[in-house]
Amino acid sequence: MVVGLLVGASLSACGAFEPEEVAWPDGLTALLDQTRLQRNTGDAFVRLVNDTGTPIEVSQVEVGSDRFEATWSGEEAVDRETDFDFAMPRGKCGGGGDAEVTITWRTSGEQGEWRTSTGEAEDRYANIDRLLDRGCAERTLSEAAEITFGEPRVEGVGRQSVFVLPVTFTPTGERPEVTFAGWEGTVLFQMAPGAPTFPRFTPRPMTGEAATLEMRVVPARCDPHALADDKVGSLFRVHVGGPGLPEQAAYFLRLDKGQKTALYDFLPGYCAWE
């Protein structure tokens, strides 16, 4: 079962009383993770795995560390396991993806008798750590420069064509030590000549006047089933450099619906599907 998790939600299902604090239930495990599809949205989930032998009900899940905080409220049963999805706030810089989790719960079938318990949620595949690192990179570059987009366009025809998206970096003056280190292609698209491509591009400091750079891309493959199966083909990495950032720090470029449509509409003409 999957349920939605809302950042900053208030505890409503438990009423105004203060639940009793008790030890974390033996046999209950909390895990943190992110699905492949959630990479498009930045969402993640807390999974509660119930090996206590007794179904429980959960009315609040609070999860966080020194890098993020999120809260879910509602009322959901956890028989064997339940995933609580949440929108991850933009992550702070730091290390590790494990977090503390506090749940408000009761044994299924009970009336009242809500309790709170606090335990550890393990980021077992380091997906949350990577997600937070992306948030750190995005936060850092957005502090160093205002980033705006021009209109996407296609230059040329057929296999000689290139999709072009102008991106303007306007330094704020607040983080002159931060650099833009180039874009990286995806499983569906690769950088074309003339694009600032990581790692060959000489990092550009976010200082001085505004600069417009062109993200120039062509398809990395033209088999139609690659597009049909695509989940992450538009997730171009933006590489960022600066003090305190992880090695090869990067985040996914936030393309809006119109930009994504223009990008995918470029494929048929280039690949001669028309």
C-alpha atoms as a PDB file:
ATOM      1  CA  MET A   1       0.000   0.000   0.000  1.00  0.00           C
ATOM      2  CA  VAL A   2       1.269   3.509  -0.812  1.00  0.00           C
ATOM      3  CA  VAL A   3       0.043   6.625   0.936  1.00  0.00           C
ATOM      4  CA  GLY A   4       0.857  10.289   0.400  1.00  0.00           C
ATOM      5  CA  LEU A   5       3.151  12.238   2.703  1.00  0.00           C
ATOM      6  CA  LEU A   6       2.819  16.015   3.046  1.00  0.00           C
ATOM      7  CA  VAL A   7       5.604  18.318   4.193  1.00  0.00           C
ATOM      8  CA  GLY A   8       4.611  20.316   7.233  1.00  0.00           C
ATOM      9  CA  ALA A   9       1.221  18.665   7.759  1.00  0.00           C
ATOM     10  CA  SER A  10      -0.334  18.973  11.187  1.00  0.00           C
ATOM     11  CA  LEU A  11      -1.339  16.156  13.471  1.00  0.00           C
ATOM     12  CA  SER A  12      -5.093  15.945  13.166  1.00  0.00           C
ATOM     13  CA  ALA A  13      -6.091  12.309  13.476  1.00  0.00           C
ATOM     14  CA  CYS A  14      -5.041  12.021  17.077  1.00  0.00           C
ATOM     15  CA  GLY A  15      -7.079  14.871  18.469  1.00  0.00           C
ATOM     16  CA  ALA A  16      -5.746  17.394  20.947  1.00  0.00           C
ATOM     17  CA  PHE A  17      -4.375  14.979  23.549  1.00  0.00           C
ATOM     18  CA  GLU A  18      -0.689  14.152  23.851  1.00  0.00           C
ATOM     19  CA  PRO A  19       0.071  10.537  22.874  1.00  0.00           C
ATOM     20  CA  GLU A  20       2.139   8.479  25.280  1.00  0.00           C
ATOM     21  CA  GLU A  21       5.802   8.066  24.357  1.00  0.00           C
ATOM     22  CA  VAL A  22       6.882   4.423  24.256  1.00  0.00           C
ATOM     23  CA  ALA A  23       9.848   2.452  22.940  1.00  0.00           C
ATOM     24  CA  TRP A  24      10.051   1.682  19.240  1.00  0.00           C
ATOM     25  CA  PRO A  25       8.076  -1.566  18.649  1.00  0.00           C
ATOM     26  CA  ASP A  26      10.201  -4.712  18.369  1.00  0.00           C
ATOM     27  CA  GLY A  27       9.936  -6.101  14.839  1.00  0.00           C
ATOM     28  CA  LEU A  28       9.030  -2.779  13.190  1.00  0.00           C
ATOM     29  CA  THR A  29      11.603  -1.532  10.663  1.00  0.00           C
ATOM     30  CA  ALA A  30      11.742   1.882   8.987  1.00  0.00           C
ATOM     31  CA  LEU A  31      13.483   2.329   5.635  1.00  0.00           C
ATOM     32  CA  LEU A  32      14.044   5.358   3.400  1.00  0.00           C
ATOM     33  CA  ASP A  33      14.172   5.096  -0.386  1.00  0.00           C
ATOM     34  CA  GLN A  34      13.191   6.575  -3.726  1.00  0.00           C
ATOM     35  CA  THR A  35      11.752   4.810  -6.767  1.00  0.00           C
ATOM     36  CA  ARG A  36      13.074   5.353 -10.277  1.00  0.00           C
ATOM     37  CA  LEU A  37       9.897   7.208 -11.220  1.00  0.00           C
ATOM     38  CA  GLN A  38      10.260   9.507  -8.218  1.00  0.00           C
ATOM     39  CA  ARG A  39      13.510  10.879  -9.620  1.00  0.00           C
ATOM     40  CA  ASN A  40      11.332  12.989 -11.933  1.00  0.00           C
ATOM     41  CA  THR A  41       9.496  14.585  -9.021  1.00  0.00           C
ATOM     42  CA  GLY A  42      12.017  14.565  -6.178  1.00  0.00           C
ATOM     43  CA  ASP A  43       9.652  12.499  -4.053  1.00  0.00           C
ATOM     44  CA  ALA A  44      10.771   9.730  -1.710  1.00  0.00           C
ATOM     45  CA  PHE A  45       9.146   7.393   0.821  1.00  0.00           C
ATOM     46  CA  VAL A  46       9.370   5.945   4.304  1.00  0.00           C
ATOM     47  CA  ARG A  47       8.629   2.220   4.314  1.00  0.00           C
ATOM     48  CA  LEU A  48       7.400   0.643   7.551  1.00  0.00           C
ATOM     49  CA  VAL A  49       7.940  -3.130   7.592  1.00  0.00           C
ATOM     50  CA  ASN A  50       5.830  -4.778  10.274  1.00  0.00           C
ATOM     51  CA  ASP A  51       7.182  -8.027  11.698  1.00  0.00           C
ATOM     52  CA  THR A  52       5.664  -7.460  15.131  1.00  0.00           C
ATOM     53  CA  GLY A  53       2.994 -10.095  14.562  1.00  0.00           C
ATOM     54  CA  THR A  54       0.204  -7.566  15.064  1.00  0.00           C
ATOM     55  CA  PRO A  55      -1.221  -5.083  12.527  1.00  0.00           C
ATOM     56  CA  ILE A  56      -0.890  -1.454  13.588  1.00  0.00           C
ATOM     57  CA  GLU A  57      -2.437   1.837  12.538  1.00  0.00           C
ATOM     58  CA  VAL A  58      -0.335   4.940  11.931  1.00  0.00           C
ATOM     59  CA  SER A  59      -1.668   8.488  12.093  1.00  0.00           C
ATOM     60  CA  GLN A  60       1.540  10.493  11.758  1.00  0.00           C
ATOM     61  CA  VAL A  61       5.036   9.977  10.420  1.00  0.00           C
ATOM     62  CA  GLU A  62       7.734  12.567  11.080  1.00  0.00           C
ATOM     63  CA  VAL A  63      11.059  11.964   9.381  1.00  0.00           C
ATOM     64  CA  GLY A  64      14.153  14.101   9.212  1.00  0.00           C
ATOM     65  CA  SER A  65      17.782  14.778   9.934  1.00  0.00           C
ATOM     66  CA  ASP A  66      19.995  17.848   9.917  1.00  0.00           C
ATOM     67  CA  ARG A  67      19.484  17.817   6.122  1.00  0.00           C
ATOM     68  CA  PHE A  68      15.667  17.722   5.754  1.00  0.00           C
ATOM     69  CA  GLU A  69      12.310  17.395   7.551  1.00  0.00           C
ATOM     70  CA  ALA A  70       8.946  16.054   6.367  1.00  0.00           C
ATOM     71  CA  THR A  71       5.672  15.052   8.051  1.00  0.00           C
ATOM     72  CA  TRP A  72       2.665  12.961   7.035  1.00  0.00           C
ATOM     73  CA  SER A  73      -0.745  12.918   8.760  1.00  0.00           C
ATOM     74  CA  GLY A  74      -3.740  10.703   8.121  1.00  0.00           C
ATOM     75  CA  GLU A  75      -4.647   7.212   9.258  1.00  0.00           C
ATOM     76  CA  GLU A  76      -3.273   4.108   7.570  1.00  0.00           C
ATOM     77  CA  ALA A  77      -2.962   0.442   8.533  1.00  0.00           C
ATOM     78  CA  VAL A  78       0.415  -1.276   8.423  1.00  0.00           C
ATOM     79  CA  ASP A  79      -0.240  -4.993   8.120  1.00  0.00           C
ATOM     80  CA  ARG A  80       2.929  -6.304   6.467  1.00  0.00           C
ATOM     81  CA  GLU A  81       4.412  -3.105   5.025  1.00  0.00           C
ATOM     82  CA  THR A  82       3.300   0.347   3.911  1.00  0.00           C
ATOM     83  CA  ASP A  83       5.104   3.068   1.965  1.00  0.00           C
ATOM     84  CA  PHE A  84       4.507   6.688   3.008  1.00  0.00           C
ATOM     85  CA  ASP A  85       5.394   8.898   0.033  1.00  0.00           C
ATOM     86  CA  PHE A  86       6.605  12.440   0.627  1.00  0.00           C
ATOM     87  CA  ALA A  87       7.820  15.419  -1.358  1.00  0.00           C
ATOM     88  CA  MET A  88      11.442  15.875  -0.338  1.00  0.00           C
ATOM     89  CA  PRO A  89      12.273  19.498   0.433  1.00  0.00           C
ATOM     90  CA  ARG A  90      15.426  20.804  -1.221  1.00  0.00           C
ATOM     91  CA  GLY A  91      18.172  19.040   0.708  1.00  0.00           C
ATOM     92  CA  LYS A  92      20.801  20.787   2.782  1.00  0.00           C
ATOM     93  CA  CYS A  93      24.467  20.023   2.266  1.00  0.00           C
ATOM     94  CA  GLY A  94      25.925  17.359   4.508  1.00  0.00           C
ATOM     95  CA  GLY A  95      26.647  13.667   4.565  1.00  0.00           C
ATOM     96  CA  GLY A  96      24.499  10.557   4.697  1.00  0.00           C
ATOM     97  CA  GLY A  97      20.818   9.863   4.109  1.00  0.00           C
ATOM     98  CA  ASP A  98      19.764   8.049   7.292  1.00  0.00           C
ATOM     99  CA  ALA A  99      17.177   9.880   9.371  1.00  0.00           C
ATOM    100  CA  GLU A 100      15.236   9.769  12.619  1.00  0.00           C
ATOM    101  CA  VAL A 101      11.597   8.795  12.321  1.00  0.00           C
ATOM    102  CA  THR A 102       8.813   9.353  14.851  1.00  0.00           C
ATOM    103  CA  ILE A 103       5.483   7.593  14.340  1.00  0.00           C
ATOM    104  CA  THR A 104       2.161   8.010  16.101  1.00  0.00           C
ATOM    105  CA  TRP A 105       0.514   4.596  16.179  1.00  0.00           C
ATOM    106  CA  ARG A 106      -1.770   2.126  17.915  1.00  0.00           C
ATOM    107  CA  THR A 107      -2.586  -1.556  17.610  1.00  0.00           C
ATOM    108  CA  SER A 108      -5.252  -2.121  14.964  1.00  0.00           C
ATOM    109  CA  GLY A 109      -8.724  -2.471  16.427  1.00  0.00           C
ATOM    110  CA  GLU A 110      -8.022  -0.344  19.491  1.00  0.00           C
ATOM    111  CA  GLN A 111     -10.064   2.752  20.190  1.00  0.00           C
ATOM    112  CA  GLY A 112      -7.808   5.625  21.204  1.00  0.00           C
ATOM    113  CA  GLU A 113      -4.570   4.726  22.995  1.00  0.00           C
ATOM    114  CA  TRP A 114      -2.321   6.438  20.459  1.00  0.00           C
ATOM    115  CA  ARG A 115       1.400   6.239  21.213  1.00  0.00           C
ATOM    116  CA  THR A 116       4.520   7.841  19.772  1.00  0.00           C
ATOM    117  CA  SER A 117       7.780   6.005  19.150  1.00  0.00           C
ATOM    118  CA  THR A 118      11.075   7.201  17.701  1.00  0.00           C
ATOM    119  CA  GLY A 119      13.559   5.071  15.789  1.00  0.00           C
ATOM    120  CA  GLU A 120      16.013   5.161  12.907  1.00  0.00           C
ATOM    121  CA  ALA A 121      15.086   5.068   9.219  1.00  0.00           C
ATOM    122  CA  GLU A 122      17.866   3.510   7.147  1.00  0.00           C
ATOM    123  CA  ASP A 123      18.780   4.808   3.705  1.00  0.00           C
ATOM    124  CA  ARG A 124      19.823   1.291   2.716  1.00  0.00           C
ATOM    125  CA  TYR A 125      20.635   1.963  -0.944  1.00  0.00           C
ATOM    126  CA  ALA A 126      21.970   5.529  -0.436  1.00  0.00           C
ATOM    127  CA  ASN A 127      19.240   6.862  -2.751  1.00  0.00           C
ATOM    128  CA  ILE A 128      18.214   9.482  -0.209  1.00  0.00           C
ATOM    129  CA  ASP A 129      21.828  10.573   0.275  1.00  0.00           C
ATOM    130  CA  ARG A 130      22.118  11.089  -3.482  1.00  0.00           C
ATOM    131  CA  LEU A 131      18.780  12.920  -3.560  1.00  0.00           C
ATOM    132  CA  LEU A 132      19.923  15.236  -0.770  1.00  0.00           C
ATOM    133  CA  ASP A 133      23.243  15.822  -2.524  1.00  0.00           C
ATOM    134  CA  ARG A 134      21.289  16.902  -5.607  1.00  0.00           C
ATOM    135  CA  GLY A 135      19.294  19.302  -3.457  1.00  0.00           C
ATOM    136  CA  CYS A 136      22.528  20.644  -1.998  1.00  0.00           C
ATOM    137  CA  ALA A 137      23.953  21.267  -5.477  1.00  0.00           C
ATOM    138  CA  GLU A 138      20.765  22.972  -6.686  1.00  0.00           C
ATOM    139  CA  ARG A 139      20.516  25.129  -3.565  1.00  0.00           C
ATOM    140  CA  THR A 140      24.153  26.180  -3.929  1.00  0.00           C
ATOM    141  CA  LEU A 141      23.932  27.155  -7.609  1.00  0.00           C
ATOM    142  CA  SER A 142      20.612  28.979  -7.097  1.00  0.00           C
ATOM    143  CA  GLU A 143      22.243  31.045  -4.339  1.00  0.00           C
ATOM    144  CA  ALA A 144      25.126  31.897  -6.667  1.00  0.00           C
ATOM    145  CA  ALA A 145      23.074  32.809  -9.749  1.00  0.00           C
ATOM    146  CA  GLU A 146      19.574  33.395 -11.050  1.00  0.00           C
ATOM    147  CA  ILE A 147      18.950  30.855 -13.800  1.00  0.00           C
ATOM    148  CA  THR A 148      16.491  31.607 -16.607  1.00  0.00           C
ATOM    149  CA  PHE A 149      15.657  29.851 -19.877  1.00  0.00           C
ATOM    150  CA  GLY A 150      15.232  31.084 -23.415  1.00  0.00           C
ATOM    151  CA  GLU A 151      12.916  29.543 -25.975  1.00  0.00           C
ATOM    152  CA  PRO A 152      13.949  26.061 -27.134  1.00  0.00           C
ATOM    153  CA  ARG A 153      14.631  25.681 -30.841  1.00  0.00           C
ATOM    154  CA  VAL A 154      15.849  23.149 -33.400  1.00  0.00           C
ATOM    155  CA  GLU A 155      18.732  23.992 -35.699  1.00  0.00           C
ATOM    156  CA  GLY A 156      19.155  22.004 -38.922  1.00  0.00           C
ATOM    157  CA  VAL A 157      17.230  19.104 -40.435  1.00  0.00           C
ATOM    158  CA  GLY A 158      17.244  15.339 -39.889  1.00  0.00           C
ATOM    159  CA  ARG A 159      20.491  13.822 -38.628  1.00  0.00           C
ATOM    160  CA  GLN A 160      22.119  17.249 -38.972  1.00  0.00           C
ATOM    161  CA  SER A 161      19.683  18.840 -36.534  1.00  0.00           C
ATOM    162  CA  VAL A 162      20.355  19.856 -32.927  1.00  0.00           C
ATOM    163  CA  PHE A 163      17.973  20.718 -30.098  1.00  0.00           C
ATOM    164  CA  VAL A 164      19.060  23.972 -28.418  1.00  0.00           C
ATOM    165  CA  LEU A 165      17.950  25.367 -25.066  1.00  0.00           C
ATOM    166  CA  PRO A 166      19.522  28.714 -24.069  1.00  0.00           C
ATOM    167  CA  VAL A 167      20.193  29.042 -20.333  1.00  0.00           C
ATOM    168  CA  THR A 168      21.187  32.364 -18.775  1.00  0.00           C
ATOM    169  CA  PHE A 169      23.197  32.540 -15.544  1.00  0.00           C
ATOM    170  CA  THR A 170      22.971  35.897 -13.768  1.00  0.00           C
ATOM    171  CA  PRO A 171      25.381  35.959 -10.800  1.00  0.00           C
ATOM    172  CA  THR A 172      23.897  37.192  -7.527  1.00  0.00           C
ATOM    173  CA  GLY A 173      27.268  38.103  -6.031  1.00  0.00           C
ATOM    174  CA  GLU A 174      26.504  36.023  -2.936  1.00  0.00           C
ATOM    175  CA  ARG A 175      28.533  32.919  -3.845  1.00  0.00           C
ATOM    176  CA  PRO A 176      31.403  33.923  -6.156  1.00  0.00           C
ATOM    177  CA  GLU A 177      33.292  30.734  -5.283  1.00  0.00           C
ATOM    178  CA  VAL A 178      30.594  28.568  -6.916  1.00  0.00           C
ATOM    179  CA  THR A 179      31.049  27.342 -10.481  1.00  0.00           C
ATOM    180  CA  PHE A 180      28.868  25.852 -13.191  1.00  0.00           C
ATOM    181  CA  ALA A 181      30.790  22.793 -14.394  1.00  0.00           C
ATOM    182  CA  GLY A 182      28.671  21.723 -17.384  1.00  0.00           C
ATOM    183  CA  TRP A 183      25.733  19.547 -18.342  1.00  0.00           C
ATOM    184  CA  GLU A 184      25.642  15.773 -18.657  1.00  0.00           C
ATOM    185  CA  GLY A 185      23.486  13.779 -21.062  1.00  0.00           C
ATOM    186  CA  THR A 186      20.897  11.128 -20.275  1.00  0.00           C
ATOM    187  CA  VAL A 187      20.115   7.607 -21.453  1.00  0.00           C
ATOM    188  CA  LEU A 188      18.049   9.141 -24.275  1.00  0.00           C
ATOM    189  CA  PHE A 189      19.962  12.321 -25.176  1.00  0.00           C
ATOM    190  CA  GLN A 190      23.636  13.251 -25.406  1.00  0.00           C
ATOM    191  CA  MET A 191      25.395  16.590 -25.507  1.00  0.00           C
ATOM    192  CA  ALA A 192      26.207  17.892 -29.002  1.00  0.00           C
ATOM    193  CA  PRO A 193      29.380  19.766 -30.000  1.00  0.00           C
ATOM    194  CA  GLY A 194      29.409  23.298 -28.656  1.00  0.00           C
ATOM    195  CA  ALA A 195      27.568  22.485 -25.437  1.00  0.00           C
ATOM    196  CA  PRO A 196      29.273  22.994 -22.044  1.00  0.00           C
ATOM    197  CA  THR A 197      29.715  19.282 -21.362  1.00  0.00           C
ATOM    198  CA  PHE A 198      30.864  17.790 -18.068  1.00  0.00           C
ATOM    199  CA  PRO A 199      33.689  16.939 -17.401  1.00  0.00           C
ATOM    200  CA  ARG A 200      35.399  18.537 -20.433  1.00  0.00           C
ATOM    201  CA  PHE A 201      33.986  22.014 -19.819  1.00  0.00           C
ATOM    202  CA  THR A 202      36.171  24.440 -17.878  1.00  0.00           C
ATOM    203  CA  PRO A 203      34.043  25.385 -14.830  1.00  0.00           C
ATOM    204  CA  ARG A 204      32.622  28.899 -15.081  1.00  0.00           C
ATOM    205  CA  PRO A 205      32.608  31.005 -11.890  1.00  0.00           C
ATOM    206  CA  MET A 206      29.328  32.665 -10.998  1.00  0.00           C
ATOM    207  CA  THR A 207      30.813  36.165 -11.114  1.00  0.00           C
ATOM    208  CA  GLY A 208      30.640  39.171 -13.397  1.00  0.00           C
ATOM    209  CA  GLU A 209      27.947  39.818 -15.980  1.00  0.00           C
ATOM    210  CA  ALA A 210      25.128  37.502 -16.972  1.00  0.00           C
ATOM    211  CA  ALA A 211      26.109  34.805 -19.443  1.00  0.00           C
ATOM    212  CA  THR A 212      23.895  32.733 -21.739  1.00  0.00           C
ATOM    213  CA  LEU A 213      25.089  29.207 -22.470  1.00  0.00           C
ATOM    214  CA  GLU A 214      23.403  26.785 -24.860  1.00  0.00           C
ATOM    215  CA  MET A 215      22.483  23.262 -23.900  1.00  0.00           C
ATOM    216  CA  ARG A 216      22.812  21.559 -27.294  1.00  0.00           C
ATOM    217  CA  VAL A 217      21.639  17.937 -27.498  1.00  0.00           C
ATOM    218  CA  VAL A 218      20.973  15.149 -29.972  1.00  0.00           C
ATOM    219  CA  PRO A 219      19.413  11.716 -29.405  1.00  0.00           C
ATOM    220  CA  ALA A 220      21.725   9.089 -27.933  1.00  0.00           C
ATOM    221  CA  ARG A 221      19.618   6.378 -29.605  1.00  0.00           C
ATOM    222  CA  CYS A 222      16.784   6.187 -32.117  1.00  0.00           C
ATOM    223  CA  ASP A 223      15.066   2.879 -31.370  1.00  0.00           C
ATOM    224  CA  PRO A 224      11.377   3.724 -30.745  1.00  0.00           C
ATOM    225  CA  HIS A 225      11.022   1.370 -27.771  1.00  0.00           C
ATOM    226  CA  ALA A 226      13.652   3.427 -25.887  1.00  0.00           C
ATOM    227  CA  LEU A 227      11.246   6.363 -25.940  1.00  0.00           C
ATOM    228  CA  ALA A 228       8.275   4.158 -25.058  1.00  0.00           C
ATOM    229  CA  ASP A 229      10.114   2.776 -22.020  1.00  0.00           C
ATOM    230  CA  ASP A 230      11.663   6.097 -21.012  1.00  0.00           C
ATOM    231  CA  LYS A 231      11.368   7.275 -17.403  1.00  0.00           C
ATOM    232  CA  VAL A 232      14.447   9.465 -16.931  1.00  0.00           C
ATOM    233  CA  GLY A 233      15.408  10.563 -20.454  1.00  0.00           C
ATOM    234  CA  SER A 234      14.956  14.268 -19.723  1.00  0.00           C
ATOM    235  CA  LEU A 235      16.918  14.315 -16.446  1.00  0.00           C
ATOM    236  CA  PHE A 236      20.001  16.232 -17.526  1.00  0.00           C
ATOM    237  CA  ARG A 237      22.552  16.641 -14.762  1.00  0.00           C
ATOM    238  CA  VAL A 238      23.764  20.144 -13.929  1.00  0.00           C
ATOM    239  CA  HIS A 239      27.243  19.893 -12.404  1.00  0.00           C
ATOM    240  CA  VAL A 240      28.203  22.389  -9.716  1.00  0.00           C
ATOM    241  CA  GLY A 241      31.522  23.119  -8.020  1.00  0.00           C
ATOM    242  CA  GLY A 242      32.314  24.934  -4.801  1.00  0.00           C
ATOM    243  CA  PRO A 243      33.507  24.578  -1.196  1.00  0.00           C
ATOM    244  CA  GLY A 244      31.660  21.932   0.810  1.00  0.00           C
ATOM    245  CA  LEU A 245      30.009  20.306  -2.206  1.00  0.00           C
ATOM    246  CA  PRO A 246      30.330  16.555  -2.790  1.00  0.00           C
ATOM    247  CA  GLU A 247      32.677  15.404  -5.530  1.00  0.00           C
ATOM    248  CA  GLN A 248      30.934  15.647  -8.917  1.00  0.00           C
ATOM    249  CA  ALA A 249      27.984  17.426  -7.259  1.00  0.00           C
ATOM    250  CA  ALA A 250      25.044  17.704  -9.634  1.00  0.00           C
ATOM    251  CA  TYR A 251      21.270  18.063  -9.756  1.00  0.00           C
ATOM    252  CA  PHE A 252      18.639  17.411 -12.410  1.00  0.00           C
ATOM    253  CA  LEU A 253      17.747  20.357 -14.624  1.00  0.00           C
ATOM    254  CA  ARG A 254      14.144  21.395 -13.988  1.00  0.00           C
ATOM    255  CA  LEU A 255      12.507  21.442 -17.415  1.00  0.00           C
ATOM    256  CA  ASP A 256       8.916  22.637 -17.567  1.00  0.00           C
ATOM    257  CA  LYS A 257       6.184  20.880 -19.544  1.00  0.00           C
ATOM    258  CA  GLY A 258       6.694  23.003 -22.652  1.00  0.00           C
ATOM    259  CA  GLN A 259      10.444  22.415 -22.692  1.00  0.00           C
ATOM    260  CA  LYS A 260      10.010  18.663 -22.256  1.00  0.00           C
ATOM    261  CA  THR A 261       7.419  18.586 -25.043  1.00  0.00           C
ATOM    262  CA  ALA A 262       9.757  20.457 -27.390  1.00  0.00           C
ATOM    263  CA  LEU A 263      12.613  18.091 -26.488  1.00  0.00           C
ATOM    264  CA  TYR A 264      10.627  14.922 -27.202  1.00  0.00           C
ATOM    265  CA  ASP A 265       9.030  16.431 -30.321  1.00  0.00           C
ATOM    266  CA  PHE A 266      12.570  16.804 -31.678  1.00  0.00           C
ATOM    267  CA  LEU A 267      13.122  13.033 -31.683  1.00  0.00           C
ATOM    268  CA  PRO A 268      10.892  11.953 -34.636  1.00  0.00           C
ATOM    269  CA  GLY A 269      12.452  14.403 -37.100  1.00  0.00           C
ATOM    270  CA  TYR A 270      16.015  13.574 -36.111  1.00  0.00           C
ATOM    271  CA  CYS A 271      15.415   9.812 -36.067  1.00  0.00           C
ATOM    272  CA  ALA A 272      13.355   9.831 -39.320  1.00  0.00           C
ATOM    273  CA  TRP A 273      10.272   8.351 -37.645  1.00  0.00           C
ATOM    274  CA  GLU A 274       8.034  10.740 -39.589  1.00  0.00           C
END
